[in-house]
Protein backbone atom coordinates (compact mmCIF):
# COMPACT_ATOMS: atom_id res chain seq x y z
CA MET A 1 12.95 13.23 -3.30
CA ALA A 2 13.40 15.48 -6.33
CA LYS A 3 17.06 14.52 -6.83
CA MET A 4 16.82 11.68 -9.34
CA GLN A 5 20.21 10.11 -10.10
CA SER A 6 20.51 8.29 -13.41
CA ILE A 7 23.09 6.76 -15.75
CA GLU A 8 22.73 7.16 -19.50
CA ASN A 9 23.56 4.05 -21.52
CA GLY A 10 24.26 2.09 -18.37
CA TRP A 11 24.66 -1.53 -17.34
CA LEU A 12 23.62 -3.38 -14.21
CA LEU A 13 25.04 -6.69 -12.98
CA ILE A 14 22.94 -9.20 -11.02
CA GLU A 15 24.49 -12.07 -9.08
CA GLY A 16 21.93 -14.47 -7.64
CA GLU A 17 19.14 -12.38 -6.11
CA ARG A 18 21.26 -9.27 -5.59
CA ILE A 19 22.48 -6.20 -7.44
CA ALA A 20 26.24 -6.71 -7.69
CA ALA A 21 27.33 -3.62 -9.63
CA PHE A 22 26.25 -0.97 -12.12
CA GLY A 23 27.86 1.73 -14.20
CA SER A 24 28.18 3.45 -17.57
CA SER A 25 28.77 1.39 -20.70
CA GLU A 26 31.15 4.10 -21.91
CA GLU A 27 33.53 3.42 -19.02
CA MET A 28 33.46 -0.39 -18.75
CA GLN A 29 31.21 -3.41 -18.93
CA PRO A 30 31.30 -6.68 -16.98
CA GLU A 31 32.80 -9.72 -18.67
CA ASN A 32 31.94 -13.44 -18.47
CA ILE A 33 28.19 -12.85 -18.35
CA ASP A 34 25.89 -15.90 -18.25
CA GLU A 35 22.83 -14.04 -19.56
CA ARG A 36 22.47 -10.62 -21.13
CA ILE A 37 19.20 -8.65 -21.23
CA ASP A 38 19.00 -5.75 -23.64
CA ALA A 39 16.91 -2.95 -22.11
CA ALA A 40 16.38 -1.70 -25.68
CA ARG A 41 16.23 2.01 -24.83
CA GLY A 42 14.04 1.38 -21.83
CA LEU A 43 14.57 2.69 -18.32
CA VAL A 44 15.74 0.35 -15.56
CA LEU A 45 13.94 1.27 -12.33
CA PRO A 46 13.46 -0.26 -8.88
CA SER A 47 10.19 -2.18 -8.53
CA TYR A 48 7.29 -0.45 -6.87
CA CYS A 49 6.66 -0.99 -3.16
CA ASP A 50 2.91 -0.72 -2.50
CA SER A 51 2.63 -0.11 1.23
CA HIS A 52 -1.16 0.04 1.60
CA SER A 53 -3.57 -2.48 0.07
CA HIS A 54 -6.59 -4.60 0.92
CA LEU A 55 -5.89 -7.10 -1.87
CA VAL A 56 -7.41 -10.12 -0.11
CA PHE A 57 -11.16 -9.63 -0.50
CA ALA A 58 -13.99 -11.87 -1.65
CA CYS A 59 -15.78 -9.94 -4.41
CA GLY A 60 -16.02 -6.53 -6.02
CA ARG A 61 -18.74 -4.01 -5.20
CA GLU A 62 -19.86 -2.97 -8.68
CA THR A 63 -23.47 -2.35 -7.63
CA GLU A 64 -22.29 0.30 -5.18
CA PHE A 65 -20.29 1.84 -8.01
CA GLU A 66 -23.58 2.30 -9.83
CA ASP A 67 -25.17 3.76 -6.67
CA ARG A 68 -22.44 6.38 -6.54
CA ILE A 69 -23.00 7.23 -10.20
CA LYS A 70 -26.65 7.84 -9.24
CA GLY A 71 -25.58 10.31 -6.55
CA LEU A 72 -25.04 8.45 -3.29
CA SER A 73 -21.87 9.22 -1.34
CA TYR A 74 -19.47 6.62 0.09
CA GLU A 75 -20.82 7.41 3.58
CA GLU A 76 -24.47 7.14 2.48
CA ILE A 77 -23.84 3.73 0.92
CA ALA A 78 -22.28 2.57 4.19
CA GLU A 79 -25.28 3.86 6.19
CA ARG A 80 -27.58 1.74 3.99
CA GLY A 81 -25.70 -1.45 4.85
CA GLY A 82 -23.25 -1.38 1.97
CA GLY A 83 -19.57 -0.57 2.02
CA ILE A 84 -17.28 -2.55 4.29
CA LEU A 85 -20.11 -4.62 5.80
CA ASN A 86 -21.14 -5.78 2.35
CA SER A 87 -17.62 -7.14 1.84
CA VAL A 88 -17.74 -8.74 5.30
CA ASP A 89 -20.82 -10.79 4.45
CA LYS A 90 -19.16 -12.19 1.32
CA MET A 91 -15.87 -12.84 3.08
CA ARG A 92 -17.36 -14.86 5.91
CA SER A 93 -19.09 -17.25 3.52
CA MET A 94 -16.09 -17.87 1.23
CA SER A 95 -13.69 -20.76 1.75
CA GLU A 96 -10.03 -20.00 2.40
CA GLU A 97 -8.95 -21.85 -0.74
CA GLU A 98 -11.31 -19.91 -3.01
CA LEU A 99 -10.20 -16.67 -1.35
CA TYR A 100 -6.57 -17.60 -2.02
CA GLU A 101 -7.18 -18.36 -5.70
CA ARG A 102 -9.00 -15.06 -6.26
CA SER A 103 -6.36 -13.12 -4.37
CA LYS A 104 -3.53 -14.85 -6.25
CA THR A 105 -4.97 -13.60 -9.54
CA ARG A 106 -5.06 -10.04 -8.19
CA ALA A 107 -1.52 -10.33 -6.83
CA TRP A 108 -0.19 -11.42 -10.24
CA GLU A 109 -1.90 -8.40 -11.82
CA ALA A 110 -0.03 -6.18 -9.36
CA ILE A 111 3.26 -7.95 -10.06
CA ARG A 112 2.86 -7.57 -13.82
CA SER A 113 2.30 -3.83 -13.40
CA GLY A 114 5.65 -3.49 -11.59
CA THR A 115 4.98 -4.13 -7.89
CA GLY A 116 7.66 -6.11 -6.08
CA ALA A 117 6.55 -5.61 -2.45
CA LEU A 118 3.07 -5.35 -1.04
CA GLU A 119 1.38 -4.70 2.28
CA ILE A 120 -1.96 -6.49 2.67
CA LYS A 121 -4.50 -5.61 5.36
CA SER A 122 -7.31 -7.66 6.80
CA GLY A 123 -10.53 -5.86 7.74
CA TYR A 124 -13.23 -7.64 5.75
CA GLY A 125 -13.90 -10.39 8.27
CA LEU A 126 -14.51 -8.56 11.57
CA ASP A 127 -14.41 -11.77 13.57
CA THR A 128 -11.46 -13.87 14.68
CA GLU A 129 -11.96 -16.70 12.21
CA SER A 130 -12.43 -14.53 9.11
CA GLU A 131 -9.72 -12.01 9.96
CA SER A 132 -7.28 -14.87 10.50
CA LYS A 133 -8.36 -16.39 7.18
CA ILE A 134 -7.52 -13.17 5.35
CA LEU A 135 -4.11 -12.90 6.96
CA ARG A 136 -3.28 -16.56 6.31
CA VAL A 137 -4.08 -16.04 2.63
CA ALA A 138 -1.88 -12.93 2.56
CA ARG A 139 1.01 -14.80 4.19
CA ARG A 140 0.59 -17.63 1.70
CA LEU A 141 0.78 -15.20 -1.22
CA GLY A 142 4.11 -13.97 0.12
CA LYS A 143 5.45 -17.53 0.37
CA GLU A 144 4.21 -18.90 -2.95
CA LEU A 145 4.50 -15.86 -5.23
CA PRO A 146 7.71 -13.95 -6.12
CA ILE A 147 6.72 -10.88 -4.11
CA GLU A 148 7.52 -9.62 -0.62
CA VAL A 149 4.35 -9.37 1.50
CA LYS A 150 3.83 -7.63 4.85
CA THR A 151 0.53 -8.10 6.71
CA THR A 152 -1.60 -5.79 8.82
CA PHE A 153 -4.45 -6.64 11.20
CA LEU A 154 -7.35 -4.25 10.62
CA GLY A 155 -10.11 -5.77 12.70
CA ALA A 156 -11.01 -2.18 13.58
CA HIS A 157 -12.13 -1.42 10.02
CA SER A 158 -15.80 -1.08 10.99
CA PHE A 159 -18.21 -2.33 13.64
CA PRO A 160 -19.82 -5.61 12.49
CA ARG A 161 -23.59 -5.85 12.40
CA GLU A 162 -23.74 -7.99 15.52
CA PHE A 163 -21.96 -5.27 17.53
CA GLN A 164 -23.60 -2.14 16.11
CA GLU A 165 -25.38 -1.49 19.42
CA ASP A 166 -22.46 -2.44 21.65
CA GLN A 167 -19.25 -0.94 20.36
CA ASP A 168 -17.40 -1.43 23.65
CA ALA A 169 -17.99 -5.18 23.43
CA TYR A 170 -16.46 -5.32 19.95
CA ILE A 171 -13.42 -3.31 21.05
CA ASP A 172 -13.00 -5.72 23.96
CA LYS A 173 -13.19 -8.61 21.49
CA ILE A 174 -10.49 -7.05 19.31
CA LYS A 175 -8.20 -6.47 22.27
CA ASN A 176 -8.75 -9.66 24.24
CA ALA A 177 -9.60 -12.28 21.62
CA MET A 178 -8.69 -11.28 18.07
CA ILE A 179 -5.28 -9.67 18.65
CA PRO A 180 -4.00 -12.49 20.93
CA ALA A 181 -5.18 -15.17 18.47
CA ILE A 182 -3.59 -13.47 15.46
CA ALA A 183 -0.38 -12.80 17.37
CA ALA A 184 -0.21 -16.43 18.54
CA GLU A 185 -0.37 -17.58 14.91
CA GLY A 186 2.18 -14.93 13.84
CA LEU A 187 -0.10 -13.51 11.17
CA ALA A 188 0.40 -9.74 11.41
CA ASN A 189 3.35 -7.36 11.31
CA TYR A 190 1.20 -4.30 12.01
CA ILE A 191 -1.93 -3.07 13.79
CA ASP A 192 -4.31 -0.71 12.01
CA VAL A 193 -7.49 1.20 12.91
CA PHE A 194 -9.86 3.16 10.68
CA CYS A 195 -10.10 6.33 12.76
CA GLU A 196 -12.96 8.36 11.31
CA ARG A 197 -16.39 9.76 12.18
CA GLY A 198 -18.89 6.91 12.18
CA TYR A 199 -16.14 4.33 12.68
CA PHE A 200 -13.52 4.46 15.49
CA ASP A 201 -12.68 7.63 17.41
CA LYS A 202 -9.22 8.45 18.69
CA VAL A 203 -9.87 7.07 22.19
CA GLN A 204 -11.10 3.75 20.81
CA MET A 205 -8.17 3.72 18.43
CA GLU A 206 -5.68 4.18 21.26
CA GLU A 207 -7.13 1.24 23.19
CA ILE A 208 -6.69 -1.02 20.17
CA LEU A 209 -3.21 0.27 19.31
CA ILE A 210 -1.97 -0.33 22.86
CA ALA A 211 -3.24 -3.92 22.70
CA GLY A 212 -1.58 -4.48 19.33
CA ILE A 213 1.72 -2.98 20.45
CA ALA A 214 1.70 -5.24 23.51
CA HIS A 215 1.57 -8.21 21.12
CA GLY A 216 4.50 -7.02 19.01
CA MET A 217 2.61 -5.23 16.23
CA LYS A 218 3.79 -1.84 15.02
CA VAL A 219 1.35 0.94 14.16
CA LYS A 220 0.08 1.77 10.64
CA VAL A 221 -3.29 3.53 10.64
CA HIS A 222 -6.07 5.05 8.53
CA VAL A 223 -6.56 8.69 9.54
CA ASN A 224 -7.93 11.97 8.12
CA GLN A 225 -9.78 10.48 5.16
CA PHE A 226 -13.01 12.42 5.60
CA SER A 227 -12.31 14.54 8.69
CA SER A 228 -9.64 15.62 11.16
CA ILE A 229 -10.62 14.26 14.58
CA GLY A 230 -7.27 13.89 16.34
CA GLY A 231 -6.41 10.44 15.08
CA LEU A 232 -3.21 11.68 13.47
CA GLN A 233 -1.85 13.02 16.73
CA MET A 234 -2.82 9.83 18.54
CA ALA A 235 -0.96 7.78 15.94
CA LEU A 236 2.13 9.97 16.32
CA LYS A 237 1.93 9.54 20.09
CA HIS A 238 2.32 5.81 19.56
CA ASN A 239 5.22 6.15 17.09
CA ALA A 240 3.26 5.09 14.02
CA LEU A 241 5.38 3.75 11.17
CA SER A 242 2.92 5.37 8.76
CA VAL A 243 -0.31 7.34 8.74
CA ASP A 244 -2.37 6.70 5.63
CA HIS A 245 -5.02 8.58 3.61
CA LEU A 246 -4.60 12.20 4.88
CA GLU A 247 -7.06 13.69 2.40
CA VAL A 248 -8.41 16.14 4.99
CA MET A 249 -5.57 17.90 6.81
CA THR A 250 -5.45 21.06 8.90
CA GLU A 251 -2.31 23.19 9.04
CA HIS A 252 -1.80 21.89 12.57
CA ASP A 253 -1.99 18.30 11.29
CA ILE A 254 0.61 18.99 8.60
CA GLU A 255 2.96 20.67 11.07
CA ASP A 256 2.71 17.79 13.55
CA LEU A 257 3.23 15.18 10.87
CA CYS A 258 6.22 16.87 9.27
CA ALA A 259 7.92 17.31 12.64
CA SER A 260 7.87 13.52 13.08
CA GLU A 261 9.62 10.53 11.52
CA THR A 262 6.27 8.93 10.65
CA ILE A 263 5.71 8.30 6.94
CA ALA A 264 2.73 10.00 5.29
CA THR A 265 1.14 7.56 2.84
CA ALA A 266 -1.07 9.16 0.21
CA LEU A 267 -3.64 7.09 -1.68
CA PRO A 268 -4.59 9.05 -4.81
CA ALA A 269 -6.61 6.29 -6.51
CA CYS A 270 -9.10 6.46 -3.64
CA SER A 271 -9.49 10.21 -4.17
CA PHE A 272 -9.92 9.62 -7.90
CA PHE A 273 -12.48 6.85 -7.54
CA ILE A 274 -14.81 8.28 -4.88
CA ASN A 275 -14.19 11.92 -5.79
CA ILE A 276 -12.77 13.27 -2.53
CA PRO A 277 -9.82 15.66 -2.03
CA TYR A 278 -6.26 14.47 -2.62
CA ALA A 279 -3.72 14.42 0.22
CA PRO A 280 -1.69 17.68 0.35
CA ALA A 281 1.48 16.04 -0.95
CA ARG A 282 3.13 19.27 -2.07
CA GLN A 283 2.79 20.85 1.39
CA ILE A 284 4.03 17.71 3.14
CA ILE A 285 7.10 17.44 0.90
CA ASP A 286 7.90 21.16 1.09
CA LYS A 287 7.74 21.06 4.89
CA GLY A 288 10.18 18.15 5.06
CA GLY A 289 7.69 15.33 5.62
CA ILE A 290 8.32 11.78 4.42
CA LEU A 291 5.78 10.89 1.74
CA ALA A 292 4.94 7.49 0.25
CA LEU A 293 2.41 6.58 -2.42
CA ALA A 294 0.29 3.41 -2.43
CA THR A 295 -2.75 1.99 -4.21
CA ASP A 296 -5.21 1.34 -1.35
CA PHE A 297 -6.38 -1.51 -3.61
CA ASN A 298 -9.82 -2.51 -2.29
CA PRO A 299 -13.28 -3.32 -3.67
CA GLY A 300 -15.08 -0.24 -2.41
CA SER A 301 -13.01 2.90 -2.84
CA SER A 302 -9.94 1.97 -4.92
CA PRO A 303 -10.25 -1.04 -7.25
CA CYS A 304 -6.77 -0.43 -8.67
CA SER A 305 -3.51 -2.32 -8.10
CA ASN A 306 -1.51 -0.50 -10.79
CA MET A 307 1.23 1.67 -9.30
CA ASN A 308 1.95 3.27 -12.69
CA PHE A 309 -1.49 4.90 -12.49
CA ILE A 310 -0.73 6.03 -8.93
CA VAL A 311 2.40 7.78 -10.20
CA SER A 312 0.32 9.49 -12.91
CA LEU A 313 -2.31 10.66 -10.43
CA ALA A 314 0.37 12.02 -8.10
CA CYS A 315 1.88 14.10 -10.89
CA ILE A 316 -1.42 15.23 -12.42
CA ASN A 317 -3.44 15.96 -9.27
CA MET A 318 -0.95 16.29 -6.38
CA GLU A 319 1.72 18.61 -7.84
CA MET A 320 4.45 15.97 -7.53
CA THR A 321 7.28 15.74 -10.03
CA PRO A 322 7.90 12.39 -11.74
CA GLY A 323 11.07 11.95 -9.69
CA GLU A 324 9.24 12.62 -6.42
CA ALA A 325 6.46 10.23 -7.41
CA LEU A 326 8.95 7.48 -8.22
CA ALA A 327 10.79 7.96 -4.91
CA ALA A 328 7.48 7.92 -3.01
CA SER A 329 6.41 4.72 -4.83
CA THR A 330 9.67 2.84 -4.35
CA LEU A 331 12.11 3.74 -1.56
CA ASN A 332 9.59 5.51 0.69
CA GLY A 333 7.02 2.79 0.12
CA ALA A 334 9.67 0.25 1.11
CA ALA A 335 10.38 2.27 4.26
CA ALA A 336 6.66 2.21 5.12
CA MET A 337 6.98 -1.60 5.22
CA GLU A 338 10.42 -1.63 6.93
CA LEU A 339 11.99 -3.01 3.75
CA SER A 340 14.14 -0.07 2.65
CA GLU A 341 17.42 -1.79 3.55
CA ASP A 342 16.63 -4.48 0.98
CA LEU A 343 14.28 -2.92 -1.57
CA GLY A 344 13.20 0.38 -3.12
CA SER A 345 16.33 1.58 -4.91
CA ILE A 346 19.06 0.44 -7.28
CA THR A 347 21.81 -0.04 -4.73
CA ILE A 348 24.66 -2.56 -4.64
CA GLY A 349 23.72 -5.38 -2.29
CA LYS A 350 19.98 -4.82 -2.45
CA ARG A 351 17.64 -7.37 -3.93
CA ALA A 352 17.38 -7.21 -7.71
CA ASN A 353 13.73 -6.22 -7.95
CA LEU A 354 13.60 -4.21 -11.16
CA ILE A 355 11.33 -2.82 -13.84
CA ILE A 356 12.59 -2.48 -17.41
CA THR A 357 10.24 -0.12 -19.20
CA ARG A 358 9.32 -0.11 -22.85
CA PRO A 359 11.50 2.24 -24.95
CA MET A 360 11.14 5.80 -23.62
CA ASP A 361 13.18 8.97 -23.47
CA SER A 362 12.47 10.08 -19.90
CA LEU A 363 10.81 9.12 -16.64
CA SER A 364 8.14 11.74 -17.32
CA GLN A 365 6.67 9.53 -20.03
CA ILE A 366 5.32 7.11 -17.39
CA PRO A 367 2.90 9.64 -15.82
CA TYR A 368 2.40 11.55 -19.08
CA TYR A 369 1.02 8.54 -20.98
CA PHE A 370 -1.25 7.71 -18.06
CA ALA A 371 -3.31 5.03 -19.83
CA LYS A 372 -0.37 3.29 -21.53
CA ASP A 373 1.36 0.24 -20.07
CA PRO A 374 5.03 1.24 -19.58
CA ILE A 375 6.28 -2.20 -18.55
CA GLY A 376 8.71 -4.11 -20.76
CA LYS A 377 10.13 -6.70 -18.34
CA ILE A 378 9.80 -7.49 -14.64
CA ILE A 379 12.74 -8.88 -12.66
CA LEU A 380 12.16 -10.07 -9.08
CA SER A 381 14.94 -11.47 -6.89
CA GLY A 382 17.17 -11.58 -9.97
CA LYS A 383 14.78 -13.62 -12.15
CA VAL A 384 12.80 -12.44 -15.16
CA ILE A 385 9.16 -12.90 -14.14
CA ALA A 386 7.32 -11.29 -17.04
């Protein structure tokens, strides 16, 4: 991850949607060009691949933000009826068209900050109709906007109010009603569970994962955000594509993770916003683990879709070099969505999803100027978008 290859004073040729060639301007340049874009001393980088988001939600939770300023923790707000269940109430009452329009605005904000591929989770409906509505909106965003979208079913985000006293009944509903309905409509690539104290334990998680796998969904899960309760090992048992959050990790957890091919996805904006520890990125990288970075964009714990800020946080608070942070935000993020053969690096034959930065002397200036917009131009599938 630390080996960052670059070409000074280079050129890159796009044909259609694909990268056709690249090289040094001192050696040669292509001829018979239809359109020339001057990078004007900017860097040309692969677009970000944000492999963990909850972008399709109804409304923000600004009042809870004020509650946290006054001293309540994320868990205390949830115990008082806020948190995820607050978002569920708003989601269930919102029409699919209004949800799409709001989500489209957020998706364009992500695109303009350099994101070219995005994973979107459900989890704010907690019933079949509303979870399906979220995933239909996410699929529509991928069809109508110039961004690659993968979708994840997260019905096991929390227990809805109507099942607070009968958790087994809700798990049965997820397995026997929600998963089959979502699979029949082809709405989800992945199955996810929020495995944490007060939410779903590792045994409950396994039941849900087995049901999702049986319907063709691969495993991407929330584990080790507030505690280590064995969810990581259960995810590895079921060949998880990625395990996400990882803010609270034992040495045993790190060893198990780094001995696997599962991708560790760190979510530093969540740590920043709700003031919890950051994932031990340095240890994971040094032990040979595969690390990705993502936004966790959501209304409660990470209202941020800007991957440039994620890169800054990784460098400032997680001991990652700028090169490592870029690799984790591009190629490894693409791998966490099974898109690395097509996206995530400047490689001949891959899709031309590119960022041209404003004039800058080095990659380090992106995380260094953490509040400055580094984007000059956005190119997606070979077309200038912004």
